[in-house]
């Protein structure tokens, strides 16, 4: 049996807190397709580059994405595609809840 690890729980809470923002969820969904530069993400999500950069910084901090400078661009990639499994699970729960309330 796993013991309670308060530090791990705090880190998990931070991880989910970062994912609890619609713009950051959108970024992760877009990054599942391919690597994107910051300017492309900003255009795709209709956000300014500064806002996208702040969201990317938080996603990188918790280990969800990687960022690599290529010349004048910063390319972003999904480092932990397993996070997409959580997205799939959440869609199932949402669909079940909607079905139960109809």
PDB file of N, CA and C in Angstrom:
ATOM      1  N   UNK A   1       0.833  -1.184   0.000  1.00  0.00           N
ATOM      2  CA  UNK A   1       0.000   0.000   0.000  1.00  0.00           C
ATOM      3  C   UNK A   1       0.875   1.244   0.000  1.00  0.00           C
ATOM      4  N   UNK A   2       0.506   2.212  -0.806  1.00  0.00           N
ATOM      5  CA  UNK A   2       1.264   3.450  -0.918  1.00  0.00           C
ATOM      6  C   UNK A   2       1.004   4.332   0.297  1.00  0.00           C
ATOM      7  N   UNK A   3       2.049   4.941   0.820  1.00  0.00           N
ATOM      8  CA  UNK A   3       1.874   5.834   1.962  1.00  0.00           C
ATOM      9  C   UNK A   3       1.552   7.240   1.474  1.00  0.00           C
ATOM     10  N   UNK A   4       0.966   8.024   2.333  1.00  0.00           N
ATOM     11  CA  UNK A   4       0.621   9.412   2.019  1.00  0.00           C
ATOM     12  C   UNK A   4       1.898  10.230   1.933  1.00  0.00           C
ATOM     13  N   UNK A   5       2.094  10.889   0.822  1.00  0.00           N
ATOM     14  CA  UNK A   5       3.272  11.722   0.597  1.00  0.00           C
ATOM     15  C   UNK A   5       2.786  13.148   0.351  1.00  0.00           C
ATOM     16  N   UNK A   6       2.859  13.987   1.372  1.00  0.00           N
ATOM     17  CA  UNK A   6       2.304  15.339   1.264  1.00  0.00           C
ATOM     18  C   UNK A   6       3.004  16.166   0.187  1.00  0.00           C
ATOM     19  N   UNK A   7       4.294  15.967  -0.013  1.00  0.00           N
ATOM     20  CA  UNK A   7       5.003  16.719  -1.048  1.00  0.00           C
ATOM     21  C   UNK A   7       4.507  16.318  -2.436  1.00  0.00           C
ATOM     22  N   UNK A   8       4.324  15.022  -2.641  1.00  0.00           N
ATOM     23  CA  UNK A   8       3.805  14.535  -3.924  1.00  0.00           C
ATOM     24  C   UNK A   8       2.404  15.087  -4.165  1.00  0.00           C
ATOM     25  N   UNK A   9       1.566  15.084  -3.140  1.00  0.00           N
ATOM     26  CA  UNK A   9       0.202  15.612  -3.268  1.00  0.00           C
ATOM     27  C   UNK A   9       0.243  17.086  -3.658  1.00  0.00           C
ATOM     28  N   UNK A  10       1.136  17.858  -3.066  1.00  0.00           N
ATOM     29  CA  UNK A  10       1.271  19.283  -3.408  1.00  0.00           C
ATOM     30  C   UNK A  10       1.706  19.451  -4.869  1.00  0.00           C
ATOM     31  N   UNK A  11       2.649  18.628  -5.307  1.00  0.00           N
ATOM     32  CA  UNK A  11       3.120  18.717  -6.684  1.00  0.00           C
ATOM     33  C   UNK A  11       2.026  18.301  -7.665  1.00  0.00           C
ATOM     34  N   UNK A  12       1.247  17.289  -7.310  1.00  0.00           N
ATOM     35  CA  UNK A  12       0.129  16.887  -8.162  1.00  0.00           C
ATOM     36  C   UNK A  12      -0.919  17.992  -8.232  1.00  0.00           C
ATOM     37  N   UNK A  13      -1.184  18.643  -7.110  1.00  0.00           N
ATOM     38  CA  UNK A  13      -2.153  19.741  -7.097  1.00  0.00           C
ATOM     39  C   UNK A  13      -1.681  20.870  -8.007  1.00  0.00           C
ATOM     40  N   UNK A  14      -0.394  21.181  -7.985  1.00  0.00           N
ATOM     41  CA  UNK A  14       0.158  22.220  -8.857  1.00  0.00           C
ATOM     42  C   UNK A  14       0.028  21.810 -10.324  1.00  0.00           C
ATOM     43  N   UNK A  15       0.318  20.556 -10.616  1.00  0.00           N
ATOM     44  CA  UNK A  15       0.190  20.017 -11.972  1.00  0.00           C
ATOM     45  C   UNK A  15      -1.238  20.214 -12.485  1.00  0.00           C
ATOM     46  N   UNK A  16      -2.231  19.815 -11.684  1.00  0.00           N
ATOM     47  CA  UNK A  16      -3.618  19.938 -12.107  1.00  0.00           C
ATOM     48  C   UNK A  16      -4.083  21.390 -12.130  1.00  0.00           C
ATOM     49  N   UNK A  17      -3.526  22.203 -11.260  1.00  0.00           N
ATOM     50  CA  UNK A  17      -3.848  23.636 -11.266  1.00  0.00           C
ATOM     51  C   UNK A  17      -3.408  24.261 -12.589  1.00  0.00           C
ATOM     52  N   UNK A  18      -2.223  23.901 -13.057  1.00  0.00           N
ATOM     53  CA  UNK A  18      -1.729  24.423 -14.334  1.00  0.00           C
ATOM     54  C   UNK A  18      -2.647  23.973 -15.467  1.00  0.00           C
ATOM     55  N   UNK A  19      -3.091  22.740 -15.422  1.00  0.00           N
ATOM     56  CA  UNK A  19      -3.982  22.242 -16.485  1.00  0.00           C
ATOM     57  C   UNK A  19      -5.404  22.795 -16.353  1.00  0.00           C
ATOM     58  N   UNK A  20      -5.722  23.417 -15.243  1.00  0.00           N
ATOM     59  CA  UNK A  20      -7.071  23.909 -15.002  1.00  0.00           C
ATOM     60  C   UNK A  20      -7.381  25.241 -15.656  1.00  0.00           C
ATOM     61  N   UNK A  21      -6.697  25.568 -16.714  1.00  0.00           N
ATOM     62  CA  UNK A  21      -6.919  26.823 -17.428  1.00  0.00           C
ATOM     63  C   UNK A  21      -7.280  26.495 -18.879  1.00  0.00           C
ATOM     64  N   UNK A  22      -8.375  27.059 -19.388  1.00  0.00           N
ATOM     65  CA  UNK A  22      -8.799  26.723 -20.755  1.00  0.00           C
ATOM     66  C   UNK A  22      -7.746  27.010 -21.834  1.00  0.00           C
ATOM     67  N   UNK A  23      -6.985  28.082 -21.665  1.00  0.00           N
ATOM     68  CA  UNK A  23      -5.962  28.395 -22.670  1.00  0.00           C
ATOM     69  C   UNK A  23      -4.847  27.350 -22.655  1.00  0.00           C
ATOM     70  N   UNK A  24      -4.444  26.926 -21.463  1.00  0.00           N
ATOM     71  CA  UNK A  24      -3.389  25.922 -21.377  1.00  0.00           C
ATOM     72  C   UNK A  24      -3.880  24.564 -21.883  1.00  0.00           C
ATOM     73  N   UNK A  25      -5.148  24.236 -21.624  1.00  0.00           N
ATOM     74  CA  UNK A  25      -5.710  23.005 -22.190  1.00  0.00           C
ATOM     75  C   UNK A  25      -5.709  23.084 -23.713  1.00  0.00           C
ATOM     76  N   UNK A  26      -6.027  24.253 -24.236  1.00  0.00           N
ATOM     77  CA  UNK A  26      -5.997  24.448 -25.690  1.00  0.00           C
ATOM     78  C   UNK A  26      -4.601  24.272 -26.250  1.00  0.00           C
ATOM     79  N   UNK A  27      -3.618  24.803 -25.556  1.00  0.00           N
ATOM     80  CA  UNK A  27      -2.227  24.663 -26.001  1.00  0.00           C
ATOM     81  C   UNK A  27      -1.841  23.188 -26.063  1.00  0.00           C
ATOM     82  N   UNK A  28      -2.154  22.442 -25.011  1.00  0.00           N
ATOM     83  CA  UNK A  28      -1.806  21.021 -24.986  1.00  0.00           C
ATOM     84  C   UNK A  28      -2.517  20.287 -26.124  1.00  0.00           C
ATOM     85  N   UNK A  29      -3.768  20.607 -26.353  1.00  0.00           N
ATOM     86  CA  UNK A  29      -4.508  19.964 -27.450  1.00  0.00           C
ATOM     87  C   UNK A  29      -3.887  20.252 -28.805  1.00  0.00           C
ATOM     88  N   UNK A  30      -3.411  21.465 -29.006  1.00  0.00           N
ATOM     89  CA  UNK A  30      -2.768  21.814 -30.275  1.00  0.00           C
ATOM     90  C   UNK A  30      -1.412  21.122 -30.402  1.00  0.00           C
ATOM     91  N   UNK A  31      -0.675  21.042 -29.294  1.00  0.00           N
ATOM     92  CA  UNK A  31       0.660  20.435 -29.339  1.00  0.00           C
ATOM     93  C   UNK A  31       0.624  18.932 -29.593  1.00  0.00           C
ATOM     94  N   UNK A  32      -0.545  18.308 -29.413  1.00  0.00           N
ATOM     95  CA  UNK A  32      -0.605  16.867 -29.700  1.00  0.00           C
ATOM     96  C   UNK A  32      -0.439  16.594 -31.194  1.00  0.00           C
ATOM     97  N   UNK A  33      -0.664  17.609 -32.014  1.00  0.00           N
ATOM     98  CA  UNK A  33      -0.578  17.450 -33.463  1.00  0.00           C
ATOM     99  C   UNK A  33       0.848  17.449 -33.980  1.00  0.00           C
ATOM    100  N   UNK A  34       1.660  18.369 -33.443  1.00  0.00           N
ATOM    101  CA  UNK A  34       3.041  18.527 -33.922  1.00  0.00           C
ATOM    102  C   UNK A  34       3.708  19.610 -33.074  1.00  0.00           C
ATOM    103  N   UNK A  35       5.026  19.789 -33.202  1.00  0.00           N
ATOM    104  CA  UNK A  35       5.673  20.928 -32.540  1.00  0.00           C
ATOM    105  C   UNK A  35       5.204  22.250 -33.159  1.00  0.00           C
ATOM    106  N   UNK A  36       5.047  23.263 -32.338  1.00  0.00           N
ATOM    107  CA  UNK A  36       4.612  24.579 -32.796  1.00  0.00           C
ATOM    108  C   UNK A  36       5.551  25.631 -32.214  1.00  0.00           C
ATOM    109  N   UNK A  37       5.753  26.715 -32.963  1.00  0.00           N
ATOM    110  CA  UNK A  37       6.483  27.848 -32.402  1.00  0.00           C
ATOM    111  C   UNK A  37       5.472  28.738 -31.667  1.00  0.00           C
ATOM    112  N   UNK A  38       5.973  29.582 -30.800  1.00  0.00           N
ATOM    113  CA  UNK A  38       5.126  30.440 -29.979  1.00  0.00           C
ATOM    114  C   UNK A  38       4.212  31.302 -30.852  1.00  0.00           C
ATOM    115  N   UNK A  39       4.761  31.856 -31.924  1.00  0.00           N
ATOM    116  CA  UNK A  39       3.953  32.725 -32.792  1.00  0.00           C
ATOM    117  C   UNK A  39       2.813  31.950 -33.459  1.00  0.00           C
ATOM    118  N   UNK A  40       3.060  30.700 -33.851  1.00  0.00           N
ATOM    119  CA  UNK A  40       1.997  29.879 -34.444  1.00  0.00           C
ATOM    120  C   UNK A  40       0.900  29.572 -33.417  1.00  0.00           C
ATOM    121  N   UNK A  41       1.319  29.237 -32.196  1.00  0.00           N
ATOM    122  CA  UNK A  41       0.346  28.954 -31.138  1.00  0.00           C
ATOM    123  C   UNK A  41      -0.520  30.172 -30.858  1.00  0.00           C
ATOM    124  N   UNK A  42       0.122  31.329 -30.795  1.00  0.00           N
ATOM    125  CA  UNK A  42      -0.618  32.571 -30.536  1.00  0.00           C
ATOM    126  C   UNK A  42      -1.669  32.802 -31.614  1.00  0.00           C
ATOM    127  N   UNK A  43      -1.288  32.610 -32.869  1.00  0.00           N
ATOM    128  CA  UNK A  43      -2.228  32.812 -33.976  1.00  0.00           C
ATOM    129  C   UNK A  43      -3.342  31.764 -33.933  1.00  0.00           C
ATOM    130  N   UNK A  44      -2.986  30.516 -33.708  1.00  0.00           N
ATOM    131  CA  UNK A  44      -3.972  29.423 -33.695  1.00  0.00           C
ATOM    132  C   UNK A  44      -5.000  29.612 -32.573  1.00  0.00           C
ATOM    133  N   UNK A  45      -4.530  30.058 -31.410  1.00  0.00           N
ATOM    134  CA  UNK A  45      -5.409  30.193 -30.247  1.00  0.00           C
ATOM    135  C   UNK A  45      -5.980  31.600 -30.088  1.00  0.00           C
ATOM    136  N   UNK A  46      -5.604  32.482 -31.019  1.00  0.00           N
ATOM    137  CA  UNK A  46      -6.063  33.875 -31.003  1.00  0.00           C
ATOM    138  C   UNK A  46      -5.752  34.565 -29.676  1.00  0.00           C
ATOM    139  N   UNK A  47      -4.493  34.402 -29.258  1.00  0.00           N
ATOM    140  CA  UNK A  47      -3.972  35.052 -28.053  1.00  0.00           C
ATOM    141  C   UNK A  47      -2.723  35.827 -28.439  1.00  0.00           C
ATOM    142  N   UNK A  48      -2.340  36.797 -27.612  1.00  0.00           N
ATOM    143  CA  UNK A  48      -1.095  37.488 -27.918  1.00  0.00           C
ATOM    144  C   UNK A  48       0.091  36.629 -27.477  1.00  0.00           C
ATOM    145  N   UNK A  49       1.232  36.880 -28.094  1.00  0.00           N
ATOM    146  CA  UNK A  49       2.418  36.061 -27.829  1.00  0.00           C
ATOM    147  C   UNK A  49       2.848  36.106 -26.374  1.00  0.00           C
ATOM    148  N   UNK A  50       2.670  37.248 -25.749  1.00  0.00           N
ATOM    149  CA  UNK A  50       3.052  37.382 -24.344  1.00  0.00           C
ATOM    150  C   UNK A  50       2.230  36.450 -23.455  1.00  0.00           C
ATOM    151  N   UNK A  51       0.928  36.403 -23.692  1.00  0.00           N
ATOM    152  CA  UNK A  51       0.051  35.521 -22.904  1.00  0.00           C
ATOM    153  C   UNK A  51       0.411  34.060 -23.151  1.00  0.00           C
ATOM    154  N   UNK A  52       0.640  33.708 -24.418  1.00  0.00           N
ATOM    155  CA  UNK A  52       1.001  32.329 -24.753  1.00  0.00           C
ATOM    156  C   UNK A  52       2.317  31.963 -24.072  1.00  0.00           C
ATOM    157  N   UNK A  53       3.271  32.852 -24.084  1.00  0.00           N
ATOM    158  CA  UNK A  53       4.569  32.592 -23.449  1.00  0.00           C
ATOM    159  C   UNK A  53       4.408  32.320 -21.955  1.00  0.00           C
ATOM    160  N   UNK A  54       3.546  33.061 -21.295  1.00  0.00           N
ATOM    161  CA  UNK A  54       3.314  32.838 -19.855  1.00  0.00           C
ATOM    162  C   UNK A  54       2.671  31.476 -19.620  1.00  0.00           C
ATOM    163  N   UNK A  55       1.704  31.120 -20.448  1.00  0.00           N
ATOM    164  CA  UNK A  55       1.070  29.808 -20.313  1.00  0.00           C
ATOM    165  C   UNK A  55       2.083  28.691 -20.571  1.00  0.00           C
ATOM    166  N   UNK A  56       2.906  28.870 -21.596  1.00  0.00           N
ATOM    167  CA  UNK A  56       3.921  27.868 -21.927  1.00  0.00           C
ATOM    168  C   UNK A  56       4.920  27.705 -20.788  1.00  0.00           C
ATOM    169  N   UNK A  57       5.281  28.798 -20.171  1.00  0.00           N
ATOM    170  CA  UNK A  57       6.223  28.754 -19.053  1.00  0.00           C
ATOM    171  C   UNK A  57       5.684  27.883 -17.917  1.00  0.00           C
ATOM    172  N   UNK A  58       4.402  28.031 -17.613  1.00  0.00           N
ATOM    173  CA  UNK A  58       3.791  27.218 -16.552  1.00  0.00           C
ATOM    174  C   UNK A  58       3.713  25.748 -16.951  1.00  0.00           C
ATOM    175  N   UNK A  59       3.362  25.486 -18.203  1.00  0.00           N
ATOM    176  CA  UNK A  59       3.299  24.107 -18.676  1.00  0.00           C
ATOM    177  C   UNK A  59       4.683  23.447 -18.646  1.00  0.00           C
ATOM    178  N   UNK A  60       5.701  24.226 -18.963  1.00  0.00           N
ATOM    179  CA  UNK A  60       7.071  23.700 -18.922  1.00  0.00           C
ATOM    180  C   UNK A  60       7.502  23.442 -17.475  1.00  0.00           C
ATOM    181  N   UNK A  61       7.131  24.339 -16.595  1.00  0.00           N
ATOM    182  CA  UNK A  61       7.521  24.226 -15.182  1.00  0.00           C
ATOM    183  C   UNK A  61       7.047  22.911 -14.561  1.00  0.00           C
ATOM    184  N   UNK A  62       5.848  22.457 -14.938  1.00  0.00           N
ATOM    185  CA  UNK A  62       5.330  21.210 -14.368  1.00  0.00           C
ATOM    186  C   UNK A  62       5.668  19.990 -15.232  1.00  0.00           C
ATOM    187  N   UNK A  63       6.423  20.186 -16.317  1.00  0.00           N
ATOM    188  CA  UNK A  63       6.945  19.073 -17.098  1.00  0.00           C
ATOM    189  C   UNK A  63       6.045  18.560 -18.201  1.00  0.00           C
ATOM    190  N   UNK A  64       5.043  19.340 -18.590  1.00  0.00           N
ATOM    191  CA  UNK A  64       4.118  18.888 -19.628  1.00  0.00           C
ATOM    192  C   UNK A  64       4.675  19.127 -21.029  1.00  0.00           C
ATOM    193  N   UNK A  65       5.409  20.216 -21.195  1.00  0.00           N
ATOM    194  CA  UNK A  65       5.971  20.542 -22.510  1.00  0.00           C
ATOM    195  C   UNK A  65       7.471  20.770 -22.418  1.00  0.00           C
ATOM    196  N   UNK A  66       8.104  20.769 -23.574  1.00  0.00           N
ATOM    197  CA  UNK A  66       9.495  21.180 -23.735  1.00  0.00           C
ATOM    198  C   UNK A  66       9.518  22.371 -24.674  1.00  0.00           C
ATOM    199  N   UNK A  67      10.494  23.236 -24.491  1.00  0.00           N
ATOM    200  CA  UNK A  67      10.681  24.382 -25.371  1.00  0.00           C
ATOM    201  C   UNK A  67      12.143  24.405 -25.789  1.00  0.00           C
ATOM    202  N   UNK A  68      12.354  24.583 -27.099  1.00  0.00           N
ATOM    203  CA  UNK A  68      13.718  24.585 -27.634  1.00  0.00           C
ATOM    204  C   UNK A  68      13.859  25.721 -28.633  1.00  0.00           C
ATOM    205  N   UNK A  69      14.915  26.500 -28.457  1.00  0.00           N
ATOM    206  CA  UNK A  69      15.167  27.606 -29.375  1.00  0.00           C
ATOM    207  C   UNK A  69      15.790  27.075 -30.658  1.00  0.00           C
ATOM    208  N   UNK A  70      15.185  27.471 -31.779  1.00  0.00           N
ATOM    209  CA  UNK A  70      15.705  27.144 -33.117  1.00  0.00           C
ATOM    210  C   UNK A  70      15.839  28.461 -33.869  1.00  0.00           C
ATOM    211  N   UNK A  71      17.024  29.014 -33.886  1.00  0.00           N
ATOM    212  CA  UNK A  71      17.232  30.323 -34.506  1.00  0.00           C
ATOM    213  C   UNK A  71      16.481  31.384 -33.731  1.00  0.00           C
ATOM    214  N   UNK A  72      15.594  32.074 -34.400  1.00  0.00           N
ATOM    215  CA  UNK A  72      14.823  33.137 -33.737  1.00  0.00           C
ATOM    216  C   UNK A  72      13.502  32.624 -33.157  1.00  0.00           C
ATOM    217  N   UNK A  73      13.188  31.358 -33.408  1.00  0.00           N
ATOM    218  CA  UNK A  73      11.923  30.804 -32.932  1.00  0.00           C
ATOM    219  C   UNK A  73      12.129  29.894 -31.727  1.00  0.00           C
ATOM    220  N   UNK A  74      11.072  29.770 -30.944  1.00  0.00           N
ATOM    221  CA  UNK A  74      11.053  28.813 -29.848  1.00  0.00           C
ATOM    222  C   UNK A  74      10.016  27.758 -30.203  1.00  0.00           C
ATOM    223  N   UNK A  75      10.490  26.514 -30.389  1.00  0.00           N
ATOM    224  CA  UNK A  75       9.593  25.413 -30.726  1.00  0.00           C
ATOM    225  C   UNK A  75       9.128  24.717 -29.450  1.00  0.00           C
ATOM    226  N   UNK A  76       7.825  24.462 -29.388  1.00  0.00           N
ATOM    227  CA  UNK A  76       7.218  23.823 -28.228  1.00  0.00           C
ATOM    228  C   UNK A  76       6.739  22.440 -28.625  1.00  0.00           C
ATOM    229  N   UNK A  77       7.017  21.459 -27.770  1.00  0.00           N
ATOM    230  CA  UNK A  77       6.579  20.090 -28.013  1.00  0.00           C
ATOM    231  C   UNK A  77       5.932  19.537 -26.755  1.00  0.00           C
ATOM    232  N   UNK A  78       5.052  18.583 -26.951  1.00  0.00           N
ATOM    233  CA  UNK A  78       4.402  17.901 -25.841  1.00  0.00           C
ATOM    234  C   UNK A  78       5.380  16.877 -25.285  1.00  0.00           C
ATOM    235  N   UNK A  79       5.834  17.092 -24.069  1.00  0.00           N
ATOM    236  CA  UNK A  79       6.829  16.220 -23.440  1.00  0.00           C
ATOM    237  C   UNK A  79       6.180  14.976 -22.839  1.00  0.00           C
ATOM    238  N   UNK A  80       4.972  15.126 -22.339  1.00  0.00           N
ATOM    239  CA  UNK A  80       4.288  14.026 -21.658  1.00  0.00           C
ATOM    240  C   UNK A  80       2.930  13.762 -22.316  1.00  0.00           C
ATOM    241  N   UNK A  81       2.939  13.030 -23.432  1.00  0.00           N
ATOM    242  CA  UNK A  81       1.674  12.774 -24.118  1.00  0.00           C
ATOM    243  C   UNK A  81       0.683  11.968 -23.280  1.00  0.00           C
ATOM    244  N   UNK A  82       1.129  11.371 -22.184  1.00  0.00           N
ATOM    245  CA  UNK A  82       0.204  10.634 -21.323  1.00  0.00           C
ATOM    246  C   UNK A  82      -0.872  11.556 -20.749  1.00  0.00           C
ATOM    247  N   UNK A  83      -0.612  12.863 -20.740  1.00  0.00           N
ATOM    248  CA  UNK A  83      -1.613  13.814 -20.259  1.00  0.00           C
ATOM    249  C   UNK A  83      -2.865  13.762 -21.142  1.00  0.00           C
ATOM    250  N   UNK A  84      -2.712  13.354 -22.384  1.00  0.00           N
ATOM    251  CA  UNK A  84      -3.855  13.233 -23.289  1.00  0.00           C
ATOM    252  C   UNK A  84      -4.814  12.134 -22.842  1.00  0.00           C
ATOM    253  N   UNK A  85      -4.300  11.144 -22.107  1.00  0.00           N
ATOM    254  CA  UNK A  85      -5.159  10.105 -21.549  1.00  0.00           C
ATOM    255  C   UNK A  85      -6.130  10.705 -20.525  1.00  0.00           C
ATOM    256  N   UNK A  86      -5.661  11.694 -19.778  1.00  0.00           N
ATOM    257  CA  UNK A  86      -6.535  12.384 -18.825  1.00  0.00           C
ATOM    258  C   UNK A  86      -7.613  13.159 -19.565  1.00  0.00           C
ATOM    259  N   UNK A  87      -7.251  13.744 -20.698  1.00  0.00           N
ATOM    260  CA  UNK A  87      -8.235  14.471 -21.498  1.00  0.00           C
ATOM    261  C   UNK A  87      -9.330  13.517 -21.965  1.00  0.00           C
ATOM    262  N   UNK A  88      -8.921  12.344 -22.433  1.00  0.00           N
ATOM    263  CA  UNK A  88      -9.871  11.337 -22.893  1.00  0.00           C
ATOM    264  C   UNK A  88     -10.772  10.897 -21.740  1.00  0.00           C
ATOM    265  N   UNK A  89     -10.190  10.668 -20.597  1.00  0.00           N
ATOM    266  CA  UNK A  89     -10.958  10.266 -19.419  1.00  0.00           C
ATOM    267  C   UNK A  89     -11.959  11.352 -19.039  1.00  0.00           C
ATOM    268  N   UNK A  90     -11.524  12.606 -19.061  1.00  0.00           N
ATOM    269  CA  UNK A  90     -12.433  13.697 -18.681  1.00  0.00           C
ATOM    270  C   UNK A  90     -13.596  13.814 -19.660  1.00  0.00           C
ATOM    271  N   UNK A  91     -13.334  13.579 -20.948  1.00  0.00           N
ATOM    272  CA  UNK A  91     -14.417  13.604 -21.941  1.00  0.00           C
ATOM    273  C   UNK A  91     -15.448  12.515 -21.653  1.00  0.00           C
ATOM    274  N   UNK A  92     -14.974  11.320 -21.266  1.00  0.00           N
ATOM    275  CA  UNK A  92     -15.878  10.221 -20.931  1.00  0.00           C
ATOM    276  C   UNK A  92     -16.746  10.595 -19.726  1.00  0.00           C
ATOM    277  N   UNK A  93     -16.137  11.158 -18.713  1.00  0.00           N
ATOM    278  CA  UNK A  93     -16.885  11.556 -17.510  1.00  0.00           C
ATOM    279  C   UNK A  93     -17.916  12.632 -17.858  1.00  0.00           C
ATOM    280  N   UNK A  94     -17.518  13.606 -18.651  1.00  0.00           N
ATOM    281  CA  UNK A  94     -18.436  14.681 -19.059  1.00  0.00           C
ATOM    282  C   UNK A  94     -19.606  14.110 -19.839  1.00  0.00           C
ATOM    283  N   UNK A  95     -19.324  13.215 -20.782  1.00  0.00           N
ATOM    284  CA  UNK A  95     -20.386  12.597 -21.572  1.00  0.00           C
ATOM    285  C   UNK A  95     -21.323  11.772 -20.688  1.00  0.00           C
ATOM    286  N   UNK A  96     -20.768  11.032 -19.740  1.00  0.00           N
ATOM    287  CA  UNK A  96     -21.593  10.248 -18.823  1.00  0.00           C
ATOM    288  C   UNK A  96     -22.484  11.150 -17.979  1.00  0.00           C
ATOM    289  N   UNK A  97     -21.924  12.241 -17.503  1.00  0.00           N
ATOM    290  CA  UNK A  97     -22.712  13.192 -16.695  1.00  0.00           C
ATOM    291  C   UNK A  97     -23.817  13.822 -17.523  1.00  0.00           C
ATOM    292  N   UNK A  98     -23.514  14.154 -18.763  1.00  0.00           N
ATOM    293  CA  UNK A  98     -24.549  14.735 -19.631  1.00  0.00           C
ATOM    294  C   UNK A  98     -25.652  13.728 -19.902  1.00  0.00           C
ATOM    295  N   UNK A  99     -25.269  12.483 -20.161  1.00  0.00           N
ATOM    296  CA  UNK A  99     -26.270  11.440 -20.405  1.00  0.00           C
ATOM    297  C   UNK A  99     -27.142  11.204 -19.179  1.00  0.00           C
ATOM    298  N   UNK A 100     -26.540  11.275 -18.004  1.00  0.00           N
ATOM    299  CA  UNK A 100     -27.287  11.033 -16.773  1.00  0.00           C
ATOM    300  C   UNK A 100     -28.263  12.148 -16.475  1.00  0.00           C
ATOM    301  N   UNK A 101     -28.008  13.336 -16.977  1.00  0.00           N
ATOM    302  CA  UNK A 101     -28.863  14.488 -16.703  1.00  0.00           C
ATOM    303  C   UNK A 101     -29.880  14.767 -17.810  1.00  0.00           C
ATOM    304  N   UNK A 102     -29.984  13.871 -18.765  1.00  0.00           N
ATOM    305  CA  UNK A 102     -30.950  14.075 -19.864  1.00  0.00           C
ATOM    306  C   UNK A 102     -32.229  13.336 -19.593  1.00  0.00           C
TER     307      UNK A 102
END
